[in-house]
Amino acid sequence: MGTWSIWHWIVVLVIVMLVFGTKKLRNIGTDLGSAVRGFKEGVKESSADKPAESSPAQQSAKELGGRTIDAEVKDKQKA
């Protein structure tokens, strides 16, 4: 008997129900479902909390405490 038939699974299911009881199995299923639902909501909230991609100039201004530094950039060319 190398394969599991439907009768094997039915016997296993009956034994599990006798050991744990249907109420406990129902509670485990409910807890697992609410945990998965909470995880999905947490993932959606964390992706919604992320601000839109800002430019490097805006990021550096945030790092400087909101101060803006105005400067002129000149290219140096090697002759």
N, C-alpha and C. Protein backbone atom coordinates (compact mmCIF):
# COMPACT_ATOMS: atom_id res chain seq x y z
N MET A 1 0.85 -1.19 0.00
CA MET A 1 0.00 0.00 0.00
C MET A 1 0.89 1.24 0.00
N GLY A 2 1.41 1.58 -1.15
CA GLY A 2 2.31 2.70 -1.27
C GLY A 2 1.60 4.03 -1.40
N THR A 3 0.35 4.05 -1.84
CA THR A 3 -0.37 5.31 -2.03
C THR A 3 -1.45 5.45 -0.97
N TRP A 4 -1.82 6.69 -0.73
CA TRP A 4 -2.87 6.98 0.25
C TRP A 4 -4.20 7.07 -0.48
N SER A 5 -5.12 6.24 -0.13
CA SER A 5 -6.45 6.28 -0.74
C SER A 5 -7.34 7.22 0.07
N ILE A 6 -8.53 7.43 -0.42
CA ILE A 6 -9.50 8.29 0.25
C ILE A 6 -9.86 7.71 1.61
N TRP A 7 -9.87 6.40 1.74
CA TRP A 7 -10.22 5.77 3.01
C TRP A 7 -9.17 6.06 4.08
N HIS A 8 -7.91 6.11 3.69
CA HIS A 8 -6.86 6.47 4.65
C HIS A 8 -7.10 7.87 5.20
N TRP A 9 -7.41 8.81 4.30
CA TRP A 9 -7.63 10.19 4.73
C TRP A 9 -8.86 10.32 5.61
N ILE A 10 -9.91 9.54 5.30
CA ILE A 10 -11.12 9.58 6.14
C ILE A 10 -10.82 9.08 7.54
N VAL A 11 -10.06 7.99 7.65
CA VAL A 11 -9.69 7.46 8.96
C VAL A 11 -8.85 8.47 9.73
N VAL A 12 -7.89 9.10 9.06
CA VAL A 12 -7.05 10.12 9.72
C VAL A 12 -7.92 11.28 10.19
N LEU A 13 -8.85 11.72 9.37
CA LEU A 13 -9.74 12.82 9.74
C LEU A 13 -10.59 12.46 10.95
N VAL A 14 -11.12 11.27 10.99
CA VAL A 14 -11.95 10.83 12.13
C VAL A 14 -11.11 10.79 13.41
N ILE A 15 -9.88 10.29 13.31
CA ILE A 15 -9.01 10.23 14.50
C ILE A 15 -8.67 11.63 14.99
N VAL A 16 -8.38 12.54 14.07
CA VAL A 16 -8.06 13.92 14.46
C VAL A 16 -9.26 14.57 15.13
N MET A 17 -10.47 14.33 14.60
CA MET A 17 -11.67 14.91 15.21
C MET A 17 -11.93 14.32 16.59
N LEU A 18 -11.64 13.04 16.77
CA LEU A 18 -11.83 12.43 18.08
C LEU A 18 -10.82 12.96 19.10
N VAL A 19 -9.60 13.20 18.66
CA VAL A 19 -8.56 13.67 19.57
C VAL A 19 -8.79 15.13 19.95
N PHE A 20 -9.00 15.98 18.96
CA PHE A 20 -9.09 17.42 19.22
C PHE A 20 -10.52 17.90 19.44
N GLY A 21 -11.48 17.27 18.85
CA GLY A 21 -12.86 17.72 18.95
C GLY A 21 -13.16 18.76 17.87
N THR A 22 -14.40 18.81 17.46
CA THR A 22 -14.76 19.70 16.36
C THR A 22 -14.71 21.17 16.77
N LYS A 23 -15.02 21.46 18.04
CA LYS A 23 -15.02 22.86 18.48
C LYS A 23 -13.60 23.43 18.44
N LYS A 24 -12.63 22.66 18.91
CA LYS A 24 -11.26 23.13 18.91
C LYS A 24 -10.74 23.29 17.48
N LEU A 25 -11.10 22.36 16.60
CA LEU A 25 -10.68 22.47 15.20
C LEU A 25 -11.30 23.70 14.54
N ARG A 26 -12.55 23.99 14.86
CA ARG A 26 -13.23 25.16 14.31
C ARG A 26 -12.53 26.44 14.80
N ASN A 27 -12.16 26.47 16.09
CA ASN A 27 -11.47 27.63 16.64
C ASN A 27 -10.10 27.81 16.00
N ILE A 28 -9.40 26.71 15.75
CA ILE A 28 -8.09 26.81 15.10
C ILE A 28 -8.25 27.36 13.70
N GLY A 29 -9.25 26.89 12.97
CA GLY A 29 -9.51 27.40 11.61
C GLY A 29 -9.86 28.87 11.61
N THR A 30 -10.69 29.29 12.56
CA THR A 30 -11.07 30.70 12.66
C THR A 30 -9.86 31.57 13.00
N ASP A 31 -9.04 31.12 13.95
CA ASP A 31 -7.85 31.88 14.32
C ASP A 31 -6.87 31.98 13.16
N LEU A 32 -6.71 30.90 12.43
CA LEU A 32 -5.80 30.92 11.29
C LEU A 32 -6.31 31.86 10.21
N GLY A 33 -7.61 31.83 9.95
CA GLY A 33 -8.20 32.72 8.95
C GLY A 33 -8.06 34.18 9.33
N SER A 34 -8.29 34.51 10.59
CA SER A 34 -8.17 35.91 11.02
C SER A 34 -6.71 36.36 11.01
N ALA A 35 -5.78 35.43 11.28
CA ALA A 35 -4.36 35.80 11.21
C ALA A 35 -3.94 36.11 9.78
N VAL A 36 -4.41 35.30 8.84
CA VAL A 36 -4.08 35.55 7.43
C VAL A 36 -4.71 36.86 6.97
N ARG A 37 -5.93 37.12 7.37
CA ARG A 37 -6.63 38.36 7.00
C ARG A 37 -5.90 39.57 7.58
N GLY A 38 -5.46 39.46 8.84
CA GLY A 38 -4.72 40.56 9.47
C GLY A 38 -3.39 40.80 8.79
N PHE A 39 -2.72 39.73 8.37
CA PHE A 39 -1.45 39.87 7.65
C PHE A 39 -1.66 40.60 6.33
N LYS A 40 -2.70 40.23 5.59
CA LYS A 40 -2.97 40.88 4.30
C LYS A 40 -3.28 42.37 4.51
N GLU A 41 -4.06 42.70 5.54
CA GLU A 41 -4.38 44.10 5.82
C GLU A 41 -3.12 44.87 6.21
N GLY A 42 -2.24 44.24 6.96
CA GLY A 42 -0.99 44.89 7.35
C GLY A 42 -0.10 45.17 6.16
N VAL A 43 -0.07 44.25 5.21
CA VAL A 43 0.73 44.46 4.00
C VAL A 43 0.15 45.61 3.19
N LYS A 44 -1.18 45.66 3.08
CA LYS A 44 -1.81 46.75 2.33
C LYS A 44 -1.55 48.10 3.00
N GLU A 45 -1.62 48.15 4.33
CA GLU A 45 -1.39 49.40 5.06
C GLU A 45 0.05 49.87 4.91
N SER A 46 0.99 48.95 4.98
CA SER A 46 2.39 49.36 4.88
C SER A 46 2.72 49.87 3.49
N SER A 47 2.10 49.31 2.45
CA SER A 47 2.35 49.81 1.11
C SER A 47 1.63 51.15 0.90
N ALA A 48 0.51 51.38 1.58
CA ALA A 48 -0.20 52.65 1.47
C ALA A 48 0.51 53.74 2.28
N ASP A 49 1.22 53.37 3.35
CA ASP A 49 1.91 54.35 4.19
C ASP A 49 3.18 54.89 3.54
N LYS A 50 3.73 54.17 2.57
CA LYS A 50 4.97 54.62 1.93
C LYS A 50 4.67 55.88 1.12
N PRO A 51 5.47 56.94 1.31
CA PRO A 51 5.25 58.14 0.50
C PRO A 51 5.70 57.89 -0.93
N ALA A 52 5.20 58.72 -1.82
CA ALA A 52 5.60 58.61 -3.22
C ALA A 52 7.10 58.87 -3.35
N GLU A 53 7.70 58.27 -4.34
CA GLU A 53 9.13 58.45 -4.57
C GLU A 53 9.41 59.93 -4.76
N SER A 54 10.31 60.48 -3.96
CA SER A 54 10.66 61.88 -4.10
C SER A 54 12.03 61.99 -4.73
N SER A 55 12.28 63.15 -5.30
CA SER A 55 13.55 63.35 -5.99
C SER A 55 14.68 63.45 -4.96
N PRO A 56 15.93 63.23 -5.38
CA PRO A 56 17.06 63.32 -4.45
C PRO A 56 17.19 64.70 -3.81
N ALA A 57 16.81 65.75 -4.53
CA ALA A 57 16.89 67.10 -3.97
C ALA A 57 15.92 67.24 -2.79
N GLN A 58 14.73 66.66 -2.94
CA GLN A 58 13.76 66.72 -1.86
C GLN A 58 14.22 65.88 -0.68
N GLN A 59 14.84 64.74 -0.95
CA GLN A 59 15.32 63.89 0.11
C GLN A 59 16.43 64.58 0.89
N SER A 60 17.36 65.24 0.18
CA SER A 60 18.46 65.90 0.88
C SER A 60 17.95 67.08 1.69
N ALA A 61 16.91 67.77 1.21
CA ALA A 61 16.34 68.87 1.97
C ALA A 61 15.70 68.36 3.26
N LYS A 62 15.09 67.19 3.20
CA LYS A 62 14.51 66.59 4.40
C LYS A 62 15.59 66.23 5.39
N GLU A 63 16.72 65.73 4.88
CA GLU A 63 17.81 65.34 5.76
C GLU A 63 18.45 66.54 6.44
N LEU A 64 18.38 67.70 5.81
CA LEU A 64 18.97 68.92 6.37
C LEU A 64 17.99 69.64 7.29
N GLY A 65 16.92 69.03 7.59
CA GLY A 65 15.96 69.63 8.51
C GLY A 65 15.06 70.64 7.84
N GLY A 66 14.85 70.51 6.55
CA GLY A 66 13.96 71.40 5.84
C GLY A 66 14.64 72.61 5.23
N ARG A 67 15.94 72.79 5.50
CA ARG A 67 16.66 73.92 4.91
C ARG A 67 17.01 73.61 3.47
N THR A 68 16.97 74.61 2.63
CA THR A 68 17.32 74.46 1.23
C THR A 68 18.63 75.17 0.97
N ILE A 69 19.52 74.49 0.29
CA ILE A 69 20.81 75.09 -0.06
C ILE A 69 20.81 75.31 -1.56
N ASP A 70 21.05 76.57 -1.96
CA ASP A 70 21.07 76.92 -3.37
C ASP A 70 22.52 77.05 -3.80
N ALA A 71 22.89 76.36 -4.85
CA ALA A 71 24.28 76.39 -5.31
C ALA A 71 24.31 76.29 -6.82
N GLU A 72 25.43 76.69 -7.39
CA GLU A 72 25.62 76.61 -8.83
C GLU A 72 26.72 75.59 -9.10
N VAL A 73 26.47 74.71 -10.02
CA VAL A 73 27.43 73.66 -10.33
C VAL A 73 28.10 73.99 -11.65
N LYS A 74 29.43 73.92 -11.64
CA LYS A 74 30.19 74.18 -12.87
C LYS A 74 30.94 72.93 -13.25
N ASP A 75 30.98 72.65 -14.56
CA ASP A 75 31.73 71.50 -15.06
C ASP A 75 33.19 71.85 -15.19
N LYS A 76 34.04 70.94 -14.78
CA LYS A 76 35.46 71.11 -14.98
C LYS A 76 35.85 70.24 -16.17
N GLN A 77 36.41 70.87 -17.16
CA GLN A 77 36.86 70.11 -18.33
C GLN A 77 38.35 70.06 -18.33
N LYS A 78 38.88 68.84 -18.53
CA LYS A 78 40.33 68.68 -18.60
C LYS A 78 40.80 69.09 -19.98
N ALA A 79 41.84 69.91 -20.02
CA ALA A 79 42.35 70.37 -21.32
C ALA A 79 43.61 69.63 -21.70
